[in-house]
Amino acid sequence: MEKLIEILNELHDDVDFESENALVDDGILDSLDIVTLVTEIDSEFDVRIPPEEIVPENFNSAAALWELIQKLDEA
């Protein structure tokens, strides 16, 4: 989770990613941020996020994103 927070902070260092839970809904993360995140997650965690998992619920918080990474890593 710590590395994920680092990746998120590289995108927006002015956001408290540990407490924010509406990153997509509030427009904090835009489509380019999502593409960057998907690429960084693949590179850092060796986890490919399939298109059907790229939905706001999975990107609205660091916790939801971490849960997705763990789920895909176990698959």
PDB file of N, CA and C in Angstrom:
ATOM      1  N   MET A   1       0.830  -1.201   0.000  1.00  0.00           N
ATOM      2  CA  MET A   1       0.000   0.000   0.000  1.00  0.00           C
ATOM      3  C   MET A   1       0.874   1.263   0.000  1.00  0.00           C
ATOM      4  N   GLU A   2       2.012   1.195   0.674  1.00  0.00           N
ATOM      5  CA  GLU A   2       2.887   2.359   0.746  1.00  0.00           C
ATOM      6  C   GLU A   2       3.360   2.792  -0.643  1.00  0.00           C
ATOM      7  N   LYS A   3       3.734   1.823  -1.478  1.00  0.00           N
ATOM      8  CA  LYS A   3       4.195   2.141  -2.834  1.00  0.00           C
ATOM      9  C   LYS A   3       3.049   2.729  -3.661  1.00  0.00           C
ATOM     10  N   LEU A   4       1.836   2.220  -3.471  1.00  0.00           N
ATOM     11  CA  LEU A   4       0.672   2.766  -4.183  1.00  0.00           C
ATOM     12  C   LEU A   4       0.458   4.225  -3.802  1.00  0.00           C
ATOM     13  N   ILE A   5       0.566   4.541  -2.517  1.00  0.00           N
ATOM     14  CA  ILE A   5       0.416   5.931  -2.058  1.00  0.00           C
ATOM     15  C   ILE A   5       1.498   6.809  -2.694  1.00  0.00           C
ATOM     16  N   GLU A   6       2.717   6.293  -2.808  1.00  0.00           N
ATOM     17  CA  GLU A   6       3.793   7.044  -3.461  1.00  0.00           C
ATOM     18  C   GLU A   6       3.437   7.345  -4.915  1.00  0.00           C
ATOM     19  N   ILE A   7       2.912   6.349  -5.616  1.00  0.00           N
ATOM     20  CA  ILE A   7       2.520   6.538  -7.020  1.00  0.00           C
ATOM     21  C   ILE A   7       1.425   7.600  -7.112  1.00  0.00           C
ATOM     22  N   LEU A   8       0.443   7.515  -6.240  1.00  0.00           N
ATOM     23  CA  LEU A   8      -0.647   8.495  -6.242  1.00  0.00           C
ATOM     24  C   LEU A   8      -0.123   9.898  -5.919  1.00  0.00           C
ATOM     25  N   ASN A   9       0.784   9.997  -4.971  1.00  0.00           N
ATOM     26  CA  ASN A   9       1.351  11.292  -4.606  1.00  0.00           C
ATOM     27  C   ASN A   9       2.149  11.910  -5.744  1.00  0.00           C
ATOM     28  N   GLU A  10       2.742  11.073  -6.602  1.00  0.00           N
ATOM     29  CA  GLU A  10       3.444  11.603  -7.771  1.00  0.00           C
ATOM     30  C   GLU A  10       2.465  12.272  -8.730  1.00  0.00           C
ATOM     31  N   LEU A  11       1.227  11.785  -8.759  1.00  0.00           N
ATOM     32  CA  LEU A  11       0.206  12.385  -9.625  1.00  0.00           C
ATOM     33  C   LEU A  11      -0.330  13.687  -9.029  1.00  0.00           C
ATOM     34  N   HIS A  12      -0.633  13.647  -7.728  1.00  0.00           N
ATOM     35  CA  HIS A  12      -1.218  14.806  -7.035  1.00  0.00           C
ATOM     36  C   HIS A  12      -0.692  14.847  -5.614  1.00  0.00           C
ATOM     37  N   ASP A  13       0.342  15.623  -5.387  1.00  0.00           N
ATOM     38  CA  ASP A  13       0.939  15.657  -4.053  1.00  0.00           C
ATOM     39  C   ASP A  13       0.151  16.496  -3.051  1.00  0.00           C
ATOM     40  N   ASP A  14      -0.932  17.102  -3.501  1.00  0.00           N
ATOM     41  CA  ASP A  14      -1.741  17.951  -2.624  1.00  0.00           C
ATOM     42  C   ASP A  14      -2.987  17.239  -2.098  1.00  0.00           C
ATOM     43  N   VAL A  15      -3.088  15.925  -2.307  1.00  0.00           N
ATOM     44  CA  VAL A  15      -4.275  15.163  -1.917  1.00  0.00           C
ATOM     45  C   VAL A  15      -3.904  14.175  -0.817  1.00  0.00           C
ATOM     46  N   ASP A  16      -4.776  14.057   0.181  1.00  0.00           N
ATOM     47  CA  ASP A  16      -4.584  13.056   1.235  1.00  0.00           C
ATOM     48  C   ASP A  16      -5.218  11.751   0.758  1.00  0.00           C
ATOM     49  N   PHE A  17      -4.436  10.932   0.097  1.00  0.00           N
ATOM     50  CA  PHE A  17      -4.962   9.706  -0.510  1.00  0.00           C
ATOM     51  C   PHE A  17      -5.377   8.660   0.512  1.00  0.00           C
ATOM     52  N   GLU A  18      -4.906   8.786   1.734  1.00  0.00           N
ATOM     53  CA  GLU A  18      -5.278   7.803   2.752  1.00  0.00           C
ATOM     54  C   GLU A  18      -6.689   8.027   3.277  1.00  0.00           C
ATOM     55  N   SER A  19      -7.209   9.239   3.143  1.00  0.00           N
ATOM     56  CA  SER A  19      -8.562   9.501   3.647  1.00  0.00           C
ATOM     57  C   SER A  19      -9.575   9.821   2.544  1.00  0.00           C
ATOM     58  N   GLU A  20      -9.116  10.216   1.374  1.00  0.00           N
ATOM     59  CA  GLU A  20     -10.027  10.585   0.275  1.00  0.00           C
ATOM     60  C   GLU A  20     -10.719   9.340  -0.277  1.00  0.00           C
ATOM     61  N   ASN A  21     -12.033   9.428  -0.470  1.00  0.00           N
ATOM     62  CA  ASN A  21     -12.777   8.268  -0.979  1.00  0.00           C
ATOM     63  C   ASN A  21     -13.682   8.601  -2.158  1.00  0.00           C
ATOM     64  N   ALA A  22     -13.390   9.704  -2.846  1.00  0.00           N
ATOM     65  CA  ALA A  22     -14.155  10.068  -4.040  1.00  0.00           C
ATOM     66  C   ALA A  22     -13.209  10.654  -5.092  1.00  0.00           C
ATOM     67  N   LEU A  23     -12.110   9.973  -5.309  1.00  0.00           N
ATOM     68  CA  LEU A  23     -11.089  10.497  -6.221  1.00  0.00           C
ATOM     69  C   LEU A  23     -11.606  10.712  -7.633  1.00  0.00           C
ATOM     70  N   VAL A  24     -12.385   9.779  -8.137  1.00  0.00           N
ATOM     71  CA  VAL A  24     -12.945   9.913  -9.484  1.00  0.00           C
ATOM     72  C   VAL A  24     -14.212  10.766  -9.436  1.00  0.00           C
ATOM     73  N   ASP A  25     -15.080  10.454  -8.497  1.00  0.00           N
ATOM     74  CA  ASP A  25     -16.359  11.175  -8.402  1.00  0.00           C
ATOM     75  C   ASP A  25     -16.174  12.682  -8.216  1.00  0.00           C
ATOM     76  N   ASP A  26     -15.132  13.086  -7.482  1.00  0.00           N
ATOM     77  CA  ASP A  26     -14.877  14.507  -7.246  1.00  0.00           C
ATOM     78  C   ASP A  26     -13.945  15.126  -8.288  1.00  0.00           C
ATOM     79  N   GLY A  27     -13.541  14.339  -9.284  1.00  0.00           N
ATOM     80  CA  GLY A  27     -12.698  14.862 -10.357  1.00  0.00           C
ATOM     81  C   GLY A  27     -11.239  15.055  -9.983  1.00  0.00           C
ATOM     82  N   ILE A  28     -10.803  14.454  -8.886  1.00  0.00           N
ATOM     83  CA  ILE A  28      -9.396  14.565  -8.491  1.00  0.00           C
ATOM     84  C   ILE A  28      -8.530  13.778  -9.467  1.00  0.00           C
ATOM     85  N   LEU A  29      -8.978  12.569  -9.810  1.00  0.00           N
ATOM     86  CA  LEU A  29      -8.299  11.776 -10.829  1.00  0.00           C
ATOM     87  C   LEU A  29      -9.081  11.876 -12.133  1.00  0.00           C
ATOM     88  N   ASP A  30      -8.390  12.240 -13.208  1.00  0.00           N
ATOM     89  CA  ASP A  30      -9.045  12.289 -14.513  1.00  0.00           C
ATOM     90  C   ASP A  30      -8.608  11.073 -15.341  1.00  0.00           C
ATOM     91  N   SER A  31      -9.064  11.016 -16.565  1.00  0.00           N
ATOM     92  CA  SER A  31      -8.793   9.836 -17.396  1.00  0.00           C
ATOM     93  C   SER A  31      -7.296   9.631 -17.638  1.00  0.00           C
ATOM     94  N   LEU A  32      -6.547  10.709 -17.799  1.00  0.00           N
ATOM     95  CA  LEU A  32      -5.105  10.566 -17.995  1.00  0.00           C
ATOM     96  C   LEU A  32      -4.425  10.030 -16.742  1.00  0.00           C
ATOM     97  N   ASP A  33      -4.902  10.462 -15.581  1.00  0.00           N
ATOM     98  CA  ASP A  33      -4.376   9.933 -14.320  1.00  0.00           C
ATOM     99  C   ASP A  33      -4.640   8.434 -14.217  1.00  0.00           C
ATOM    100  N   ILE A  34      -5.826   8.019 -14.636  1.00  0.00           N
ATOM    101  CA  ILE A  34      -6.189   6.599 -14.568  1.00  0.00           C
ATOM    102  C   ILE A  34      -5.272   5.780 -15.478  1.00  0.00           C
ATOM    103  N   VAL A  35      -5.035   6.270 -16.689  1.00  0.00           N
ATOM    104  CA  VAL A  35      -4.138   5.572 -17.619  1.00  0.00           C
ATOM    105  C   VAL A  35      -2.739   5.467 -17.007  1.00  0.00           C
ATOM    106  N   THR A  36      -2.262   6.543 -16.420  1.00  0.00           N
ATOM    107  CA  THR A  36      -0.951   6.533 -15.773  1.00  0.00           C
ATOM    108  C   THR A  36      -0.926   5.530 -14.628  1.00  0.00           C
ATOM    109  N   LEU A  37      -1.968   5.527 -13.822  1.00  0.00           N
ATOM    110  CA  LEU A  37      -2.049   4.585 -12.702  1.00  0.00           C
ATOM    111  C   LEU A  37      -2.026   3.138 -13.171  1.00  0.00           C
ATOM    112  N   VAL A  38      -2.813   2.827 -14.179  1.00  0.00           N
ATOM    113  CA  VAL A  38      -2.866   1.459 -14.707  1.00  0.00           C
ATOM    114  C   VAL A  38      -1.475   1.028 -15.175  1.00  0.00           C
ATOM    115  N   THR A  39      -0.774   1.918 -15.850  1.00  0.00           N
ATOM    116  CA  THR A  39       0.575   1.625 -16.335  1.00  0.00           C
ATOM    117  C   THR A  39       1.555   1.448 -15.181  1.00  0.00           C
ATOM    118  N   GLU A  40       1.500   2.346 -14.206  1.00  0.00           N
ATOM    119  CA  GLU A  40       2.407   2.266 -13.056  1.00  0.00           C
ATOM    120  C   GLU A  40       2.147   1.017 -12.221  1.00  0.00           C
ATOM    121  N   ILE A  41       0.890   0.657 -12.051  1.00  0.00           N
ATOM    122  CA  ILE A  41       0.539  -0.539 -11.278  1.00  0.00           C
ATOM    123  C   ILE A  41       1.061  -1.782 -11.987  1.00  0.00           C
ATOM    124  N   ASP A  42       0.913  -1.817 -13.292  1.00  0.00           N
ATOM    125  CA  ASP A  42       1.435  -2.949 -14.068  1.00  0.00           C
ATOM    126  C   ASP A  42       2.947  -3.053 -13.882  1.00  0.00           C
ATOM    127  N   SER A  43       3.617  -1.925 -13.961  1.00  0.00           N
ATOM    128  CA  SER A  43       5.066  -1.897 -13.840  1.00  0.00           C
ATOM    129  C   SER A  43       5.537  -2.236 -12.423  1.00  0.00           C
ATOM    130  N   GLU A  44       4.926  -1.625 -11.428  1.00  0.00           N
ATOM    131  CA  GLU A  44       5.383  -1.770 -10.049  1.00  0.00           C
ATOM    132  C   GLU A  44       4.964  -3.090  -9.398  1.00  0.00           C
ATOM    133  N   PHE A  45       3.714  -3.493  -9.650  1.00  0.00           N
ATOM    134  CA  PHE A  45       3.164  -4.661  -8.963  1.00  0.00           C
ATOM    135  C   PHE A  45       3.019  -5.881  -9.880  1.00  0.00           C
ATOM    136  N   ASP A  46       3.351  -5.712 -11.156  1.00  0.00           N
ATOM    137  CA  ASP A  46       3.206  -6.785 -12.149  1.00  0.00           C
ATOM    138  C   ASP A  46       1.768  -7.314 -12.168  1.00  0.00           C
ATOM    139  N   VAL A  47       0.836  -6.381 -12.149  1.00  0.00           N
ATOM    140  CA  VAL A  47      -0.600  -6.700 -12.155  1.00  0.00           C
ATOM    141  C   VAL A  47      -1.235  -5.944 -13.314  1.00  0.00           C
ATOM    142  N   ARG A  48      -1.877  -6.679 -14.191  1.00  0.00           N
ATOM    143  CA  ARG A  48      -2.597  -6.049 -15.309  1.00  0.00           C
ATOM    144  C   ARG A  48      -4.046  -5.834 -14.906  1.00  0.00           C
ATOM    145  N   ILE A  49      -4.501  -4.601 -15.058  1.00  0.00           N
ATOM    146  CA  ILE A  49      -5.894  -4.280 -14.748  1.00  0.00           C
ATOM    147  C   ILE A  49      -6.689  -4.378 -16.045  1.00  0.00           C
ATOM    148  N   PRO A  50      -7.609  -5.355 -16.129  1.00  0.00           N
ATOM    149  CA  PRO A  50      -8.390  -5.507 -17.359  1.00  0.00           C
ATOM    150  C   PRO A  50      -9.378  -4.351 -17.524  1.00  0.00           C
ATOM    151  N   PRO A  51      -9.756  -4.050 -18.753  1.00  0.00           N
ATOM    152  CA  PRO A  51     -10.659  -2.924 -19.023  1.00  0.00           C
ATOM    153  C   PRO A  51     -11.944  -2.946 -18.194  1.00  0.00           C
ATOM    154  N   GLU A  52     -12.501  -4.139 -17.963  1.00  0.00           N
ATOM    155  CA  GLU A  52     -13.763  -4.194 -17.219  1.00  0.00           C
ATOM    156  C   GLU A  52     -13.605  -3.806 -15.754  1.00  0.00           C
ATOM    157  N   GLU A  53     -12.363  -3.751 -15.259  1.00  0.00           N
ATOM    158  CA  GLU A  53     -12.119  -3.339 -13.867  1.00  0.00           C
ATOM    159  C   GLU A  53     -11.813  -1.846 -13.751  1.00  0.00           C
ATOM    160  N   ILE A  54     -11.717  -1.171 -14.885  1.00  0.00           N
ATOM    161  CA  ILE A  54     -11.430   0.267 -14.860  1.00  0.00           C
ATOM    162  C   ILE A  54     -12.762   1.017 -14.744  1.00  0.00           C
ATOM    163  N   VAL A  55     -13.260   1.011 -13.534  1.00  0.00           N
ATOM    164  CA  VAL A  55     -14.528   1.658 -13.196  1.00  0.00           C
ATOM    165  C   VAL A  55     -14.297   2.555 -11.975  1.00  0.00           C
ATOM    166  N   PRO A  56     -15.106   3.610 -11.818  1.00  0.00           N
ATOM    167  CA  PRO A  56     -14.894   4.542 -10.712  1.00  0.00           C
ATOM    168  C   PRO A  56     -14.786   3.887  -9.337  1.00  0.00           C
ATOM    169  N   GLU A  57     -15.586   2.855  -9.069  1.00  0.00           N
ATOM    170  CA  GLU A  57     -15.558   2.230  -7.747  1.00  0.00           C
ATOM    171  C   GLU A  57     -14.163   1.720  -7.392  1.00  0.00           C
ATOM    172  N   ASN A  58     -13.414   1.269  -8.385  1.00  0.00           N
ATOM    173  CA  ASN A  58     -12.080   0.725  -8.125  1.00  0.00           C
ATOM    174  C   ASN A  58     -11.003   1.797  -8.012  1.00  0.00           C
ATOM    175  N   PHE A  59     -11.331   3.037  -8.381  1.00  0.00           N
ATOM    176  CA  PHE A  59     -10.345   4.110  -8.372  1.00  0.00           C
ATOM    177  C   PHE A  59     -10.730   5.282  -7.479  1.00  0.00           C
ATOM    178  N   ASN A  60     -11.826   5.171  -6.740  1.00  0.00           N
ATOM    179  CA  ASN A  60     -12.279   6.279  -5.903  1.00  0.00           C
ATOM    180  C   ASN A  60     -11.454   6.457  -4.635  1.00  0.00           C
ATOM    181  N   SER A  61     -10.723   5.424  -4.231  1.00  0.00           N
ATOM    182  CA  SER A  61      -9.877   5.553  -3.046  1.00  0.00           C
ATOM    183  C   SER A  61      -8.647   4.669  -3.196  1.00  0.00           C
ATOM    184  N   ALA A  62      -7.620   5.014  -2.446  1.00  0.00           N
ATOM    185  CA  ALA A  62      -6.415   4.192  -2.448  1.00  0.00           C
ATOM    186  C   ALA A  62      -6.736   2.800  -1.920  1.00  0.00           C
ATOM    187  N   ALA A  63      -7.622   2.726  -0.933  1.00  0.00           N
ATOM    188  CA  ALA A  63      -7.992   1.433  -0.351  1.00  0.00           C
ATOM    189  C   ALA A  63      -8.677   0.546  -1.391  1.00  0.00           C
ATOM    190  N   ALA A  64      -9.588   1.119  -2.173  1.00  0.00           N
ATOM    191  CA  ALA A  64     -10.283   0.344  -3.212  1.00  0.00           C
ATOM    192  C   ALA A  64      -9.295  -0.110  -4.289  1.00  0.00           C
ATOM    193  N   LEU A  65      -8.391   0.753  -4.633  1.00  0.00           N
ATOM    194  CA  LEU A  65      -7.388   0.411  -5.637  1.00  0.00           C
ATOM    195  C   LEU A  65      -6.452  -0.681  -5.111  1.00  0.00           C
ATOM    196  N   TRP A  66      -6.060  -0.590  -3.859  1.00  0.00           N
ATOM    197  CA  TRP A  66      -5.207  -1.606  -3.256  1.00  0.00           C
ATOM    198  C   TRP A  66      -5.927  -2.955  -3.215  1.00  0.00           C
ATOM    199  N   GLU A  67      -7.210  -2.913  -2.886  1.00  0.00           N
ATOM    200  CA  GLU A  67      -8.013  -4.137  -2.857  1.00  0.00           C
ATOM    201  C   GLU A  67      -8.053  -4.781  -4.251  1.00  0.00           C
ATOM    202  N   LEU A  68      -8.210  -3.959  -5.281  1.00  0.00           N
ATOM    203  CA  LEU A  68      -8.219  -4.450  -6.660  1.00  0.00           C
ATOM    204  C   LEU A  68      -6.869  -5.085  -7.011  1.00  0.00           C
ATOM    205  N   ILE A  69      -5.784  -4.421  -6.655  1.00  0.00           N
ATOM    206  CA  ILE A  69      -4.448  -4.947  -6.935  1.00  0.00           C
ATOM    207  C   ILE A  69      -4.271  -6.312  -6.281  1.00  0.00           C
ATOM    208  N   GLN A  70      -4.679  -6.428  -5.037  1.00  0.00           N
ATOM    209  CA  GLN A  70      -4.535  -7.695  -4.324  1.00  0.00           C
ATOM    210  C   GLN A  70      -5.393  -8.783  -4.944  1.00  0.00           C
ATOM    211  N   LYS A  71      -6.611  -8.435  -5.321  1.00  0.00           N
ATOM    212  CA  LYS A  71      -7.514  -9.394  -5.949  1.00  0.00           C
ATOM    213  C   LYS A  71      -6.928  -9.909  -7.255  1.00  0.00           C
ATOM    214  N   LEU A  72      -6.412  -9.008  -8.092  1.00  0.00           N
ATOM    215  CA  LEU A  72      -5.850  -9.396  -9.372  1.00  0.00           C
ATOM    216  C   LEU A  72      -4.533 -10.143  -9.219  1.00  0.00           C
ATOM    217  N   ASP A  73      -3.805  -9.821  -8.180  1.00  0.00           N
ATOM    218  CA  ASP A  73      -2.529 -10.491  -7.932  1.00  0.00           C
ATOM    219  C   ASP A  73      -2.746 -11.951  -7.526  1.00  0.00           C
ATOM    220  N   GLU A  74      -3.862 -12.223  -6.874  1.00  0.00           N
ATOM    221  CA  GLU A  74      -4.171 -13.583  -6.440  1.00  0.00           C
ATOM    222  C   GLU A  74      -4.743 -14.434  -7.570  1.00  0.00           C
ATOM    223  N   ALA A  75      -5.270 -13.761  -8.585  1.00  0.00           N
ATOM    224  CA  ALA A  75      -5.927 -14.496  -9.691  1.00  0.00           C
ATOM    225  C   ALA A  75      -4.938 -15.222 -10.574  1.00  0.00           C
TER     226      ALA A  75
END
